N, C-alpha and C. Protein backbone atom coordinates (compact mmCIF):
# COMPACT_ATOMS: atom_id res chain seq x y z
N MET A 1 14.50 -10.94 -0.08
CA MET A 1 13.85 -9.70 -0.46
C MET A 1 13.98 -8.72 0.71
N THR A 2 14.40 -7.51 0.40
CA THR A 2 14.57 -6.51 1.45
C THR A 2 13.22 -5.97 1.89
N MET A 3 13.22 -5.29 3.03
CA MET A 3 11.99 -4.70 3.56
C MET A 3 11.42 -3.68 2.57
N GLU A 4 12.29 -2.88 1.99
CA GLU A 4 11.84 -1.85 1.04
C GLU A 4 11.18 -2.48 -0.19
N ASN A 5 11.77 -3.54 -0.70
CA ASN A 5 11.17 -4.22 -1.86
C ASN A 5 9.84 -4.86 -1.51
N THR A 6 9.73 -5.40 -0.30
CA THR A 6 8.48 -6.00 0.14
C THR A 6 7.38 -4.95 0.22
N ILE A 7 7.71 -3.79 0.77
CA ILE A 7 6.74 -2.71 0.90
C ILE A 7 6.29 -2.23 -0.48
N ARG A 8 7.23 -2.08 -1.40
CA ARG A 8 6.88 -1.66 -2.76
C ARG A 8 5.99 -2.69 -3.45
N ALA A 9 6.28 -3.98 -3.23
CA ALA A 9 5.46 -5.04 -3.82
C ALA A 9 4.04 -5.01 -3.26
N PHE A 10 3.91 -4.82 -1.95
CA PHE A 10 2.59 -4.71 -1.33
C PHE A 10 1.83 -3.51 -1.89
N ALA A 11 2.49 -2.37 -1.94
CA ALA A 11 1.82 -1.14 -2.42
C ALA A 11 1.37 -1.30 -3.86
N GLY A 12 2.24 -1.82 -4.70
CA GLY A 12 1.87 -2.02 -6.10
C GLY A 12 0.73 -3.00 -6.26
N SER A 13 0.76 -4.07 -5.49
CA SER A 13 -0.31 -5.07 -5.55
C SER A 13 -1.63 -4.48 -5.08
N PHE A 14 -1.59 -3.73 -3.96
CA PHE A 14 -2.82 -3.11 -3.46
C PHE A 14 -3.41 -2.14 -4.47
N ILE A 15 -2.57 -1.38 -5.13
CA ILE A 15 -3.07 -0.42 -6.12
C ILE A 15 -3.70 -1.15 -7.30
N LEU A 16 -3.02 -2.16 -7.83
CA LEU A 16 -3.57 -2.89 -8.97
C LEU A 16 -4.87 -3.62 -8.61
N ILE A 17 -4.91 -4.23 -7.45
CA ILE A 17 -6.12 -4.94 -7.01
C ILE A 17 -7.28 -3.98 -6.82
N SER A 18 -7.02 -2.83 -6.18
CA SER A 18 -8.11 -1.88 -5.95
C SER A 18 -8.58 -1.24 -7.26
N LEU A 19 -7.69 -1.06 -8.22
CA LEU A 19 -8.12 -0.54 -9.51
C LEU A 19 -9.02 -1.55 -10.23
N ALA A 20 -8.65 -2.82 -10.17
CA ALA A 20 -9.49 -3.85 -10.78
C ALA A 20 -10.84 -3.94 -10.09
N LEU A 21 -10.84 -3.91 -8.75
CA LEU A 21 -12.10 -3.95 -8.02
C LEU A 21 -12.96 -2.72 -8.31
N GLY A 22 -12.32 -1.57 -8.43
CA GLY A 22 -13.06 -0.36 -8.74
C GLY A 22 -13.69 -0.40 -10.12
N HIS A 23 -13.03 -1.03 -11.04
CA HIS A 23 -13.55 -1.12 -12.40
C HIS A 23 -14.64 -2.18 -12.53
N PHE A 24 -14.43 -3.35 -11.92
CA PHE A 24 -15.34 -4.46 -12.12
C PHE A 24 -16.41 -4.62 -11.04
N VAL A 25 -16.16 -4.12 -9.82
CA VAL A 25 -17.08 -4.37 -8.72
C VAL A 25 -17.85 -3.11 -8.33
N ASN A 26 -17.11 -2.11 -7.83
CA ASN A 26 -17.77 -0.91 -7.32
C ASN A 26 -16.76 0.23 -7.34
N PRO A 27 -17.15 1.40 -7.86
CA PRO A 27 -16.21 2.53 -7.94
C PRO A 27 -15.68 3.01 -6.59
N TYR A 28 -16.34 2.66 -5.50
CA TYR A 28 -15.84 3.07 -4.19
C TYR A 28 -14.49 2.43 -3.85
N TRP A 29 -14.13 1.36 -4.54
CA TRP A 29 -12.83 0.75 -4.32
C TRP A 29 -11.70 1.69 -4.73
N PHE A 30 -11.98 2.69 -5.57
CA PHE A 30 -10.96 3.67 -5.94
C PHE A 30 -10.49 4.48 -4.73
N LEU A 31 -11.33 4.56 -3.72
CA LEU A 31 -10.93 5.26 -2.49
C LEU A 31 -9.77 4.54 -1.81
N PHE A 32 -9.73 3.23 -1.92
CA PHE A 32 -8.61 2.49 -1.36
C PHE A 32 -7.32 2.82 -2.11
N THR A 33 -7.43 3.01 -3.43
CA THR A 33 -6.27 3.43 -4.23
C THR A 33 -5.78 4.79 -3.74
N VAL A 34 -6.70 5.69 -3.46
CA VAL A 34 -6.33 7.01 -2.94
C VAL A 34 -5.63 6.86 -1.59
N PHE A 35 -6.14 6.00 -0.73
CA PHE A 35 -5.53 5.78 0.58
C PHE A 35 -4.09 5.30 0.45
N VAL A 36 -3.86 4.34 -0.43
CA VAL A 36 -2.50 3.82 -0.62
C VAL A 36 -1.59 4.91 -1.17
N GLY A 37 -2.08 5.69 -2.12
CA GLY A 37 -1.29 6.78 -2.69
C GLY A 37 -0.94 7.85 -1.67
N VAL A 38 -1.90 8.22 -0.84
CA VAL A 38 -1.64 9.22 0.21
C VAL A 38 -0.64 8.68 1.22
N ASN A 39 -0.76 7.40 1.55
CA ASN A 39 0.17 6.80 2.49
C ASN A 39 1.59 6.78 1.91
N LEU A 40 1.73 6.47 0.64
CA LEU A 40 3.05 6.49 0.00
C LEU A 40 3.63 7.90 -0.01
N LEU A 41 2.79 8.88 -0.27
CA LEU A 41 3.25 10.26 -0.30
C LEU A 41 3.69 10.73 1.08
N GLN A 42 2.91 10.44 2.12
CA GLN A 42 3.29 10.89 3.46
C GLN A 42 4.54 10.17 3.94
N SER A 43 4.70 8.91 3.54
CA SER A 43 5.90 8.19 3.99
C SER A 43 7.17 8.73 3.32
N ALA A 44 7.03 9.32 2.17
CA ALA A 44 8.19 9.94 1.51
C ALA A 44 8.70 11.14 2.31
N PHE A 45 7.80 11.83 2.99
CA PHE A 45 8.19 13.02 3.76
C PHE A 45 8.50 12.71 5.22
N THR A 46 7.75 11.78 5.81
CA THR A 46 7.91 11.52 7.24
C THR A 46 8.81 10.32 7.54
N HIS A 47 9.09 9.50 6.54
CA HIS A 47 9.88 8.27 6.71
C HIS A 47 9.22 7.31 7.68
N PHE A 48 7.90 7.36 7.78
CA PHE A 48 7.13 6.43 8.60
C PHE A 48 6.16 5.68 7.69
N CYS A 49 6.21 4.37 7.76
CA CYS A 49 5.32 3.54 6.97
C CYS A 49 4.66 2.52 7.90
N PRO A 50 3.33 2.55 8.02
CA PRO A 50 2.65 1.60 8.89
C PRO A 50 2.90 0.14 8.51
N LEU A 51 3.01 -0.14 7.22
CA LEU A 51 3.26 -1.51 6.78
C LEU A 51 4.61 -2.01 7.26
N GLU A 52 5.58 -1.14 7.31
CA GLU A 52 6.90 -1.52 7.81
C GLU A 52 6.82 -1.96 9.28
N THR A 53 6.05 -1.25 10.07
CA THR A 53 5.85 -1.61 11.47
C THR A 53 5.20 -2.98 11.59
N ILE A 54 4.20 -3.24 10.75
CA ILE A 54 3.51 -4.52 10.78
C ILE A 54 4.44 -5.64 10.36
N LEU A 55 5.20 -5.43 9.29
CA LEU A 55 6.09 -6.47 8.80
C LEU A 55 7.22 -6.78 9.79
N LYS A 56 7.66 -5.78 10.54
CA LYS A 56 8.69 -6.01 11.55
C LYS A 56 8.18 -6.94 12.66
N GLN A 57 6.88 -6.87 12.96
CA GLN A 57 6.30 -7.75 13.96
C GLN A 57 6.33 -9.21 13.50
N PHE A 58 6.13 -9.44 12.21
CA PHE A 58 6.16 -10.80 11.66
C PHE A 58 7.57 -11.34 11.53
N LYS A 59 8.54 -10.44 11.41
CA LYS A 59 9.92 -10.85 11.22
C LYS A 59 10.52 -11.46 12.49
N LYS A 60 10.02 -11.08 13.64
CA LYS A 60 10.57 -11.56 14.92
C LYS A 60 10.38 -13.00 15.14
């Protein structure tokens, strides 16, 4: 699995998990969904993704 596919899988999983938590546990979990969405949007413009930096540390 490439780095890009791994990042997309993490982002999709985080969004789905936070939506479920927001629906079943507490609506404040929707803020985490907003955080992931904003991070995806900024990475499209800046080409910087914090998760990529973290995953590169584990790859070594």
